[in-house]
């Protein structure tokens, strides 16, 4: 169990609402749907109502500085079934990249690969006390696109399983390109934190508001006034 999963959840019952995609940039088809993730009748482009309002506020802040830039939504709501599919998919892809047959892994090999996978992917838990963040409708993976619709270079792709995913990976670089990557990440962080999100400590793209991870990070900053999560897994 990760430390943030010990945060109690007091579900507020706020609805999951569709993201108005005309306001934002999105990939089409959705990156996980493209590899077969089982969304069924559900869509990844949903968030809790307050979380969506905060995301709109973040984009409004962005456009005050760069009028024709937009936030690009890579992923938002993710059913636990999709979480399980993506864990399995990533495990298989990682095994193949290491020259292994994903269908014939030893327990030791499988365990080592899962350690890598779980650095990026939350455990696909159906336990209401320990939901994957995206399964609460309170987490969103985002980046930025410029006025030409091109992705702003953050120095690594979303979901990359390497140290480059860490938000401050380029913070002390003297390379001009890498300094720009860090500046771009800092811009994204500033926009999202100003809208009451918190950033995942290990992922430059992952932000949440109201879930267990968000509450855990808030409590680290304000230990004298601890709060609980207000969003749990959506059934």
Protein backbone atom coordinates (compact mmCIF):
# COMPACT_ATOMS: atom_id res chain seq x y z
CA UNK A 1 0.00 0.00 0.00
CA UNK A 2 1.25 3.47 -0.90
CA UNK A 3 1.17 6.17 1.82
CA UNK A 4 -1.58 8.16 0.11
CA UNK A 5 -3.88 5.12 0.12
CA UNK A 6 -4.16 5.40 3.90
CA UNK A 7 -6.09 8.67 3.54
CA UNK A 8 -9.77 8.15 4.44
CA UNK A 9 -12.32 8.84 1.71
CA UNK A 10 -15.53 10.71 2.48
CA UNK A 11 -17.29 10.41 -0.88
CA UNK A 12 -19.17 13.63 -1.63
CA UNK A 13 -21.37 12.18 -4.37
CA UNK A 14 -20.47 14.83 -6.92
CA UNK A 15 -21.35 13.70 -10.45
CA UNK A 16 -19.01 12.68 -13.22
CA UNK A 17 -19.56 15.07 -16.13
CA UNK A 18 -18.40 15.10 -19.76
CA UNK A 19 -15.42 17.26 -20.64
CA UNK A 20 -16.35 19.81 -23.35
CA UNK A 21 -13.70 18.62 -25.80
CA UNK A 22 -14.11 21.65 -28.05
CA UNK A 23 -12.38 23.69 -25.33
CA UNK A 24 -9.30 21.49 -25.10
CA UNK A 25 -6.90 19.56 -27.31
CA UNK A 26 -7.23 15.76 -27.34
CA UNK A 27 -5.66 12.83 -29.13
CA UNK A 28 -8.00 10.94 -31.44
CA UNK A 29 -8.43 8.06 -31.15
CA UNK A 30 -7.78 7.97 -27.43
CA UNK A 31 -4.32 6.44 -26.75
CA UNK A 32 -5.62 3.57 -24.62
CA UNK A 33 -8.71 2.87 -26.70
CA UNK A 34 -6.36 2.59 -29.68
CA UNK A 35 -4.61 -0.42 -28.10
CA UNK A 36 -7.89 -2.06 -27.09
CA UNK A 37 -8.67 -0.78 -23.59
CA UNK A 38 -12.22 -1.92 -22.66
CA UNK A 39 -14.11 1.33 -22.07
CA UNK A 40 -17.35 -0.19 -23.34
CA UNK A 41 -20.08 2.47 -23.15
CA UNK A 42 -17.91 4.65 -20.93
CA UNK A 43 -15.57 7.42 -22.04
CA UNK A 44 -12.22 8.58 -20.68
CA UNK A 45 -13.23 12.19 -21.25
CA UNK A 46 -15.14 12.67 -18.01
CA UNK A 47 -14.22 14.30 -14.70
CA UNK A 48 -15.94 15.22 -11.47
CA UNK A 49 -17.73 18.53 -11.88
CA UNK A 50 -15.49 20.61 -9.61
CA UNK A 51 -12.36 19.08 -11.12
CA UNK A 52 -13.54 19.97 -14.62
CA UNK A 53 -14.30 23.55 -13.54
CA UNK A 54 -10.76 23.81 -12.17
CA UNK A 55 -9.30 22.46 -15.41
CA UNK A 56 -11.21 25.12 -17.37
CA UNK A 57 -9.82 27.74 -14.97
CA UNK A 58 -6.29 26.45 -15.59
CA UNK A 59 -6.76 26.78 -19.33
CA UNK A 60 -8.15 30.30 -18.94
CA UNK A 61 -4.97 31.20 -17.04
CA UNK A 62 -2.86 29.68 -19.81
CA UNK A 63 -4.65 31.70 -22.48
CA UNK A 64 -4.10 34.95 -20.64
CA UNK A 65 -0.40 34.35 -21.22
CA UNK A 66 -0.53 32.46 -24.53
CA UNK A 67 -3.91 33.28 -26.14
CA UNK A 68 -3.94 30.42 -28.64
CA UNK A 69 -2.39 27.66 -26.55
CA UNK A 70 -4.52 24.91 -25.05
CA UNK A 71 -4.29 22.20 -22.46
CA UNK A 72 -4.20 18.79 -24.10
CA UNK A 73 -6.06 16.08 -22.21
CA UNK A 74 -4.26 12.77 -22.58
CA UNK A 75 -6.44 10.87 -20.12
CA UNK A 76 -9.02 11.54 -17.41
CA UNK A 77 -11.59 9.06 -16.05
CA UNK A 78 -10.34 5.48 -16.17
CA UNK A 79 -12.48 2.53 -15.04
CA UNK A 80 -10.61 -0.06 -12.98
CA UNK A 81 -11.09 -2.54 -15.84
CA UNK A 82 -9.14 -0.19 -18.10
CA UNK A 83 -6.50 0.23 -15.39
CA UNK A 84 -6.08 -3.57 -15.29
CA UNK A 85 -5.90 -3.77 -19.09
CA UNK A 86 -3.21 -1.10 -19.27
CA UNK A 87 -1.16 -2.73 -16.50
CA UNK A 88 -1.31 -6.03 -18.38
CA UNK A 89 -0.56 -4.32 -21.70
CA UNK A 90 2.42 -2.45 -20.28
CA UNK A 91 3.74 -5.60 -18.62
CA UNK A 92 3.56 -7.42 -21.96
CA UNK A 93 5.21 -4.59 -23.88
CA UNK A 94 7.98 -4.28 -21.28
CA UNK A 95 8.65 -8.02 -21.32
CA UNK A 96 8.93 -8.05 -25.12
CA UNK A 97 11.27 -5.04 -25.02
CA UNK A 98 13.51 -7.07 -22.71
CA UNK A 99 13.50 -10.02 -25.10
CA UNK A 100 11.13 -12.08 -22.95
CA UNK A 101 7.94 -13.95 -23.85
CA UNK A 102 5.15 -12.29 -21.81
CA UNK A 103 3.18 -15.56 -21.80
CA UNK A 104 6.07 -17.57 -20.32
CA UNK A 105 7.53 -15.42 -17.56
CA UNK A 106 8.87 -16.90 -14.38
CA UNK A 107 7.39 -15.54 -11.15
CA UNK A 108 10.67 -13.68 -10.57
CA UNK A 109 10.64 -12.13 -14.04
CA UNK A 110 6.99 -11.15 -13.72
CA UNK A 111 7.60 -9.62 -10.30
CA UNK A 112 10.54 -7.54 -11.53
CA UNK A 113 8.62 -6.22 -14.51
CA UNK A 114 5.57 -5.41 -12.38
CA UNK A 115 7.84 -3.37 -10.09
CA UNK A 116 8.70 -1.24 -13.11
CA UNK A 117 5.09 -1.06 -14.29
CA UNK A 118 3.82 0.05 -10.89
CA UNK A 119 6.23 2.97 -10.91
CA UNK A 120 3.86 4.55 -13.43
CA UNK A 121 0.58 2.63 -13.14
CA UNK A 122 -1.47 2.46 -9.96
CA UNK A 123 -2.51 -1.01 -8.81
CA UNK A 124 -5.92 -1.78 -10.39
CA UNK A 125 -7.65 -2.25 -7.04
CA UNK A 126 -11.40 -2.79 -6.73
CA UNK A 127 -11.13 -2.12 -2.96
CA UNK A 128 -13.21 0.99 -2.26
CA UNK A 129 -10.59 2.08 0.29
CA UNK A 130 -7.72 2.08 -2.24
CA UNK A 131 -9.02 3.14 -5.68
CA UNK A 132 -6.67 3.97 -8.56
CA UNK A 133 -6.64 7.79 -8.78
CA UNK A 134 -8.05 7.95 -12.31
CA UNK A 135 -10.93 5.66 -11.32
CA UNK A 136 -12.26 8.40 -9.02
CA UNK A 137 -12.79 10.91 -11.82
CA UNK A 138 -10.49 13.30 -9.97
CA UNK A 139 -7.19 12.77 -11.81
CA UNK A 140 -6.16 13.97 -15.23
CA UNK A 141 -3.06 13.52 -17.40
CA UNK A 142 -2.30 16.68 -19.36
CA UNK A 143 0.25 18.50 -21.44
CA UNK A 144 0.19 21.71 -23.52
CA UNK A 145 -0.15 22.46 -27.22
CA UNK A 146 0.90 25.71 -28.91
CA UNK A 147 -0.95 27.97 -31.33
CA UNK A 148 -0.12 25.64 -34.22
CA UNK A 149 -1.56 22.65 -32.38
CA UNK A 150 1.87 21.14 -31.77
CA UNK A 151 2.65 19.51 -28.42
CA UNK A 152 4.95 21.62 -26.26
CA UNK A 153 8.10 19.56 -25.67
CA UNK A 154 8.27 18.35 -22.08
CA UNK A 155 11.40 16.26 -22.61
CA UNK A 156 9.67 12.86 -22.35
CA UNK A 157 6.37 11.34 -23.43
CA UNK A 158 3.49 10.70 -21.04
CA UNK A 159 3.64 7.23 -19.44
CA UNK A 160 7.36 6.72 -20.10
CA UNK A 161 8.79 4.34 -17.50
CA UNK A 162 12.05 6.14 -16.79
CA UNK A 163 13.53 8.79 -14.53
CA UNK A 164 12.78 11.36 -17.25
CA UNK A 165 9.16 11.23 -16.10
CA UNK A 166 10.11 12.74 -12.75
CA UNK A 167 8.94 16.37 -12.74
CA UNK A 168 12.32 17.90 -11.85
CA UNK A 169 14.48 15.58 -13.94
CA UNK A 170 15.87 18.49 -15.98
CA UNK A 171 15.90 21.05 -13.16
CA UNK A 172 19.69 21.31 -12.86
CA UNK A 173 20.62 20.83 -16.50
CA UNK A 174 22.86 23.37 -18.24
CA UNK A 175 21.73 22.18 -21.68
CA UNK A 176 19.51 24.90 -23.24
CA UNK A 177 16.99 22.42 -24.66
CA UNK A 178 16.68 20.63 -21.35
CA UNK A 179 16.31 23.93 -19.52
CA UNK A 180 13.36 24.65 -21.82
CA UNK A 181 11.83 21.25 -21.03
CA UNK A 182 11.98 22.14 -17.35
CA UNK A 183 10.50 25.59 -17.97
CA UNK A 184 7.63 24.00 -19.89
CA UNK A 185 6.97 21.56 -17.05
CA UNK A 186 7.07 24.40 -14.56
CA UNK A 187 4.54 26.37 -16.60
CA UNK A 188 2.16 23.40 -16.61
CA UNK A 189 2.64 22.90 -12.89
CA UNK A 190 2.03 26.58 -12.10
CA UNK A 191 -1.21 26.63 -14.11
CA UNK A 192 -2.55 23.50 -12.47
CA UNK A 193 -1.53 24.30 -8.90
CA UNK A 194 -3.11 27.74 -9.22
CA UNK A 195 -6.36 25.91 -10.05
CA UNK A 196 -6.12 23.80 -6.85
CA UNK A 197 -4.59 20.66 -8.40
CA UNK A 198 -1.60 18.82 -6.99
CA UNK A 199 1.04 17.14 -9.15
CA UNK A 200 2.09 13.53 -8.81
CA UNK A 201 5.62 13.49 -7.32
CA UNK A 202 6.90 11.06 -9.97
CA UNK A 203 4.96 12.12 -13.09
CA UNK A 204 5.17 15.56 -14.71
CA UNK A 205 1.79 15.06 -16.48
CA UNK A 206 -0.45 13.71 -13.68
CA UNK A 207 -2.56 16.14 -11.64
CA UNK A 208 -5.43 15.51 -9.29
CA UNK A 209 -7.87 17.31 -7.05
CA UNK A 210 -9.92 15.80 -4.24
CA UNK A 211 -8.65 12.21 -4.40
CA UNK A 212 -6.42 10.42 -1.90
CA UNK A 213 -3.15 11.46 -3.53
CA UNK A 214 -4.25 15.10 -3.62
CA UNK A 215 -5.24 14.97 0.07
CA UNK A 216 -1.96 13.29 0.99
CA UNK A 217 0.09 15.97 -0.78
CA UNK A 218 -2.03 18.76 0.72
CA UNK A 219 -1.53 17.28 4.19
CA UNK A 220 2.22 17.21 3.68
CA UNK A 221 2.13 20.94 2.97
CA UNK A 222 -0.36 21.70 5.77
CA UNK A 223 0.21 19.08 8.48
CA UNK A 224 -1.67 21.06 11.14
CA UNK A 225 -4.91 21.02 9.19
CA UNK A 226 -5.29 17.49 7.74
CA UNK A 227 -8.02 16.83 5.22
CA UNK A 228 -9.67 13.70 3.82
CA UNK A 229 -10.29 12.72 0.21
CA UNK A 230 -13.73 13.65 -1.12
CA UNK A 231 -13.75 11.45 -4.22
CA UNK A 232 -13.66 7.65 -4.19
CA UNK A 233 -14.04 5.04 -6.91
CA UNK A 234 -17.06 5.47 -9.13
CA UNK A 235 -19.23 2.35 -9.28
